[in-house]
């Protein structure tokens, strides 16, 4: 019996190197309902995303390691927890501008 050749997975997209790239990268991963949920949240409630979604942001972007995002002047000198929260807030702002734009 012949085996089918193993199909290789496409190479992963390169990780973002700036906050702006991270915002676009993460928004592209959200399904429409999640985008709507984030857009509908009051800004003051974004902190509720810090533990679970924020952890995913920190881990997926390598913020605890040598991620180049840490050198973006927008967040340089901040701790990874603060960077992820800043990115979440920027995601929310972008969704707000799209809704009002």
N, C-alpha and C. Protein backbone atom coordinates (compact mmCIF):
# COMPACT_ATOMS: atom_id res chain seq x y z
N UNK A 1 0.85 -1.18 0.00
CA UNK A 1 0.00 0.00 0.00
C UNK A 1 0.89 1.24 0.00
N UNK A 2 0.59 2.15 -0.86
CA UNK A 2 1.37 3.39 -0.94
C UNK A 2 0.87 4.39 0.10
N UNK A 3 1.82 5.04 0.68
CA UNK A 3 1.46 6.12 1.61
C UNK A 3 1.39 7.41 0.84
N UNK A 4 0.43 8.21 1.24
CA UNK A 4 0.34 9.54 0.66
C UNK A 4 1.48 10.38 1.21
N UNK A 5 2.06 11.22 0.36
CA UNK A 5 3.12 12.09 0.90
C UNK A 5 2.55 13.00 1.98
N UNK A 6 3.32 13.15 3.01
CA UNK A 6 2.90 14.00 4.12
C UNK A 6 2.91 15.45 3.65
N UNK A 7 1.76 16.10 3.83
CA UNK A 7 1.68 17.51 3.45
C UNK A 7 2.24 18.35 4.58
N UNK A 8 3.12 19.24 4.20
CA UNK A 8 3.68 20.10 5.23
C UNK A 8 2.75 21.29 5.47
N UNK A 9 2.69 21.69 6.70
CA UNK A 9 1.85 22.84 7.05
C UNK A 9 2.53 24.10 6.53
N UNK A 10 1.71 25.09 6.19
CA UNK A 10 2.33 26.34 5.75
C UNK A 10 3.14 26.95 6.89
N UNK A 11 4.19 27.66 6.55
CA UNK A 11 4.98 28.25 7.63
C UNK A 11 4.15 29.25 8.41
N UNK A 12 4.38 29.35 9.71
CA UNK A 12 3.60 30.30 10.51
C UNK A 12 3.92 31.73 10.10
N UNK A 13 2.94 32.58 10.24
CA UNK A 13 3.15 33.99 9.94
C UNK A 13 4.18 34.54 10.92
N UNK A 14 5.04 35.43 10.44
CA UNK A 14 6.02 36.00 11.38
C UNK A 14 5.31 36.79 12.47
N UNK A 15 5.88 36.75 13.64
CA UNK A 15 5.29 37.49 14.76
C UNK A 15 5.47 38.99 14.55
N UNK A 16 4.53 39.76 15.03
CA UNK A 16 4.63 41.22 14.91
C UNK A 16 5.83 41.76 15.67
N UNK A 17 6.31 42.92 15.21
CA UNK A 17 7.46 43.54 15.86
C UNK A 17 7.12 44.88 16.51
N UNK A 18 5.90 45.37 16.28
CA UNK A 18 5.46 46.63 16.87
C UNK A 18 4.08 46.45 17.47
N UNK A 19 3.67 47.39 18.29
CA UNK A 19 2.33 47.36 18.86
C UNK A 19 1.28 47.41 17.75
N UNK A 20 1.47 48.28 16.77
CA UNK A 20 0.50 48.41 15.68
C UNK A 20 0.36 47.09 14.92
N UNK A 21 1.48 46.43 14.65
CA UNK A 21 1.42 45.13 13.98
C UNK A 21 0.73 44.09 14.86
N UNK A 22 0.99 44.14 16.16
CA UNK A 22 0.36 43.19 17.08
C UNK A 22 -1.15 43.36 17.10
N UNK A 23 -1.60 44.61 17.06
CA UNK A 23 -3.04 44.88 17.05
C UNK A 23 -3.67 44.25 15.81
N UNK A 24 -3.09 44.48 14.64
CA UNK A 24 -3.63 43.91 13.41
C UNK A 24 -3.56 42.38 13.42
N UNK A 25 -2.45 41.85 13.90
CA UNK A 25 -2.24 40.40 13.97
C UNK A 25 -3.30 39.74 14.84
N UNK A 26 -3.54 40.30 16.01
CA UNK A 26 -4.50 39.71 16.94
C UNK A 26 -5.94 39.91 16.48
N UNK A 27 -6.25 41.08 15.93
CA UNK A 27 -7.61 41.30 15.42
C UNK A 27 -7.92 40.34 14.28
N UNK A 28 -6.94 40.03 13.46
CA UNK A 28 -7.15 39.11 12.34
C UNK A 28 -7.48 37.70 12.83
N UNK A 29 -7.09 37.38 14.05
CA UNK A 29 -7.36 36.06 14.60
C UNK A 29 -8.73 35.94 15.26
N UNK A 30 -9.38 37.07 15.49
CA UNK A 30 -10.69 37.04 16.16
C UNK A 30 -11.80 36.75 15.16
N UNK A 31 -12.73 35.90 15.56
CA UNK A 31 -13.90 35.66 14.72
C UNK A 31 -14.83 36.88 14.84
N UNK A 32 -15.78 37.00 13.91
CA UNK A 32 -16.65 38.19 13.93
C UNK A 32 -17.38 38.42 15.25
N UNK A 33 -17.83 37.38 15.91
CA UNK A 33 -18.54 37.54 17.18
C UNK A 33 -17.61 38.07 18.27
N UNK A 34 -16.39 37.57 18.31
CA UNK A 34 -15.42 38.05 19.29
C UNK A 34 -15.05 39.51 19.04
N UNK A 35 -14.94 39.88 17.77
CA UNK A 35 -14.67 41.28 17.44
C UNK A 35 -15.82 42.16 17.93
N UNK A 36 -17.04 41.69 17.71
CA UNK A 36 -18.21 42.45 18.14
C UNK A 36 -18.27 42.56 19.67
N UNK A 37 -17.95 41.46 20.34
CA UNK A 37 -17.95 41.48 21.81
C UNK A 37 -16.93 42.47 22.34
N UNK A 38 -15.74 42.47 21.76
CA UNK A 38 -14.71 43.41 22.20
C UNK A 38 -15.13 44.85 21.91
N UNK A 39 -15.68 45.07 20.74
CA UNK A 39 -16.13 46.42 20.35
C UNK A 39 -17.20 46.93 21.30
N UNK A 40 -18.08 46.05 21.77
CA UNK A 40 -19.21 46.44 22.60
C UNK A 40 -18.84 46.66 24.07
N UNK A 41 -17.67 46.21 24.47
CA UNK A 41 -17.26 46.36 25.87
C UNK A 41 -17.00 47.82 26.20
N UNK A 42 -17.43 48.26 27.37
CA UNK A 42 -17.01 49.59 27.81
C UNK A 42 -15.50 49.57 28.07
N UNK A 43 -14.84 50.67 27.77
CA UNK A 43 -13.39 50.74 27.95
C UNK A 43 -12.97 50.34 29.37
N UNK A 44 -13.74 50.75 30.36
CA UNK A 44 -13.40 50.45 31.76
C UNK A 44 -13.42 48.95 32.04
N UNK A 45 -14.12 48.18 31.23
CA UNK A 45 -14.20 46.73 31.44
C UNK A 45 -13.08 45.95 30.76
N UNK A 46 -12.24 46.61 29.99
CA UNK A 46 -11.16 45.90 29.30
C UNK A 46 -10.21 45.22 30.27
N UNK A 47 -10.09 45.73 31.47
CA UNK A 47 -9.22 45.12 32.46
C UNK A 47 -9.68 43.70 32.79
N UNK A 48 -10.94 43.40 32.56
CA UNK A 48 -11.46 42.05 32.81
C UNK A 48 -10.83 41.02 31.87
N UNK A 49 -10.26 41.48 30.77
CA UNK A 49 -9.61 40.58 29.81
C UNK A 49 -8.16 40.28 30.18
N UNK A 50 -7.64 41.00 31.16
CA UNK A 50 -6.21 40.93 31.48
C UNK A 50 -5.73 39.53 31.82
N UNK A 51 -6.45 38.83 32.64
CA UNK A 51 -5.94 37.53 33.11
C UNK A 51 -5.95 36.47 32.01
N UNK A 52 -7.09 36.23 31.37
CA UNK A 52 -7.18 35.13 30.42
C UNK A 52 -6.72 35.52 29.02
N UNK A 53 -7.40 36.49 28.41
CA UNK A 53 -7.01 36.89 27.06
C UNK A 53 -5.64 37.55 27.08
N UNK A 54 -5.39 38.35 28.09
CA UNK A 54 -4.09 39.00 28.21
C UNK A 54 -2.95 37.99 28.31
N UNK A 55 -3.19 36.90 29.02
CA UNK A 55 -2.17 35.86 29.11
C UNK A 55 -1.92 35.26 27.73
N UNK A 56 -2.98 35.04 26.98
CA UNK A 56 -2.83 34.54 25.62
C UNK A 56 -2.04 35.50 24.74
N UNK A 57 -2.29 36.79 24.90
CA UNK A 57 -1.55 37.80 24.16
C UNK A 57 -0.07 37.73 24.55
N UNK A 58 0.21 37.72 25.84
CA UNK A 58 1.60 37.68 26.30
C UNK A 58 2.33 36.44 25.78
N UNK A 59 1.65 35.30 25.85
CA UNK A 59 2.28 34.05 25.43
C UNK A 59 2.43 33.98 23.91
N UNK A 60 1.40 34.33 23.17
CA UNK A 60 1.47 34.20 21.71
C UNK A 60 2.45 35.17 21.08
N UNK A 61 2.67 36.31 21.72
CA UNK A 61 3.60 37.30 21.18
C UNK A 61 4.99 37.20 21.82
N UNK A 62 5.15 36.29 22.75
CA UNK A 62 6.45 36.10 23.38
C UNK A 62 6.89 37.29 24.22
N UNK A 63 5.93 37.94 24.87
CA UNK A 63 6.26 39.15 25.62
C UNK A 63 7.11 38.89 26.85
N UNK A 64 7.13 37.65 27.34
CA UNK A 64 7.99 37.34 28.49
C UNK A 64 9.40 37.02 28.03
N UNK A 65 9.59 36.91 26.71
CA UNK A 65 10.92 36.62 26.17
C UNK A 65 11.52 37.85 25.53
N UNK A 66 12.11 37.65 24.39
CA UNK A 66 12.82 38.72 23.70
C UNK A 66 12.01 39.31 22.55
N UNK A 67 10.71 39.39 22.69
CA UNK A 67 9.86 39.94 21.64
C UNK A 67 10.31 41.35 21.27
N UNK A 68 10.45 41.62 19.98
CA UNK A 68 10.83 42.97 19.56
C UNK A 68 9.77 44.02 19.91
N UNK A 69 8.56 43.58 20.17
CA UNK A 69 7.50 44.52 20.57
C UNK A 69 7.93 45.28 21.83
N UNK A 70 8.69 44.62 22.68
CA UNK A 70 9.13 45.26 23.94
C UNK A 70 10.01 46.48 23.70
N UNK A 71 10.54 46.60 22.47
CA UNK A 71 11.41 47.73 22.14
C UNK A 71 10.65 48.83 21.38
N UNK A 72 9.38 48.59 21.08
CA UNK A 72 8.56 49.62 20.43
C UNK A 72 8.49 50.80 21.39
N UNK A 73 8.82 52.02 20.93
CA UNK A 73 8.79 53.18 21.83
C UNK A 73 7.46 53.38 22.55
N UNK A 74 6.39 52.87 21.95
CA UNK A 74 5.07 53.01 22.56
C UNK A 74 4.97 52.28 23.90
N UNK A 75 5.76 51.21 24.06
CA UNK A 75 5.66 50.40 25.27
C UNK A 75 7.02 50.09 25.90
N UNK A 76 8.06 50.66 25.37
CA UNK A 76 9.41 50.37 25.88
C UNK A 76 9.47 50.67 27.38
N UNK A 77 10.04 49.76 28.13
CA UNK A 77 10.18 49.93 29.57
C UNK A 77 9.01 49.40 30.38
N UNK A 78 7.92 49.00 29.72
CA UNK A 78 6.77 48.44 30.45
C UNK A 78 6.97 46.96 30.68
N UNK A 79 6.32 46.44 31.70
CA UNK A 79 6.32 45.01 31.96
C UNK A 79 5.39 44.32 30.97
N UNK A 80 5.63 43.03 30.68
CA UNK A 80 4.78 42.31 29.74
C UNK A 80 3.29 42.39 30.07
N UNK A 81 2.92 42.35 31.36
CA UNK A 81 1.51 42.47 31.73
C UNK A 81 0.93 43.79 31.23
N UNK A 82 1.69 44.86 31.40
CA UNK A 82 1.23 46.18 30.98
C UNK A 82 1.20 46.30 29.45
N UNK A 83 2.17 45.67 28.80
CA UNK A 83 2.20 45.71 27.33
C UNK A 83 0.97 45.01 26.77
N UNK A 84 0.63 43.85 27.30
CA UNK A 84 -0.54 43.13 26.78
C UNK A 84 -1.82 43.93 27.00
N UNK A 85 -1.92 44.58 28.14
CA UNK A 85 -3.12 45.40 28.39
C UNK A 85 -3.16 46.58 27.43
N UNK A 86 -2.02 47.17 27.17
CA UNK A 86 -1.95 48.28 26.21
C UNK A 86 -2.39 47.81 24.82
N UNK A 87 -1.95 46.63 24.42
CA UNK A 87 -2.32 46.09 23.11
C UNK A 87 -3.82 45.84 23.06
N UNK A 88 -4.39 45.28 24.12
CA UNK A 88 -5.84 45.05 24.16
C UNK A 88 -6.59 46.38 24.02
N UNK A 89 -6.12 47.40 24.72
CA UNK A 89 -6.77 48.71 24.61
C UNK A 89 -6.65 49.28 23.20
N UNK A 90 -5.51 49.09 22.58
CA UNK A 90 -5.34 49.55 21.21
C UNK A 90 -6.24 48.77 20.24
N UNK A 91 -6.44 47.47 20.49
CA UNK A 91 -7.36 46.67 19.67
C UNK A 91 -8.76 47.26 19.79
N UNK A 92 -9.17 47.55 21.02
CA UNK A 92 -10.50 48.12 21.27
C UNK A 92 -10.64 49.46 20.55
N UNK A 93 -9.61 50.32 20.65
CA UNK A 93 -9.65 51.62 19.98
C UNK A 93 -9.79 51.48 18.47
N UNK A 94 -9.08 50.51 17.91
CA UNK A 94 -9.18 50.30 16.46
C UNK A 94 -10.59 49.85 16.07
N UNK A 95 -11.17 48.96 16.86
CA UNK A 95 -12.54 48.53 16.57
C UNK A 95 -13.52 49.69 16.71
N UNK A 96 -13.30 50.56 17.69
CA UNK A 96 -14.17 51.72 17.85
C UNK A 96 -14.07 52.64 16.64
N UNK A 97 -12.86 52.87 16.15
CA UNK A 97 -12.68 53.76 15.01
C UNK A 97 -13.27 53.16 13.75
N UNK A 98 -13.20 51.83 13.60
CA UNK A 98 -13.82 51.17 12.45
C UNK A 98 -15.33 51.32 12.50
N UNK A 99 -15.90 51.19 13.71
CA UNK A 99 -17.35 51.30 13.86
C UNK A 99 -17.85 52.71 13.60
N UNK A 100 -17.03 53.69 13.94
CA UNK A 100 -17.42 55.10 13.79
C UNK A 100 -16.90 55.73 12.52
N UNK A 101 -16.08 54.98 11.81
CA UNK A 101 -15.36 55.55 10.68
C UNK A 101 -16.09 55.68 9.43
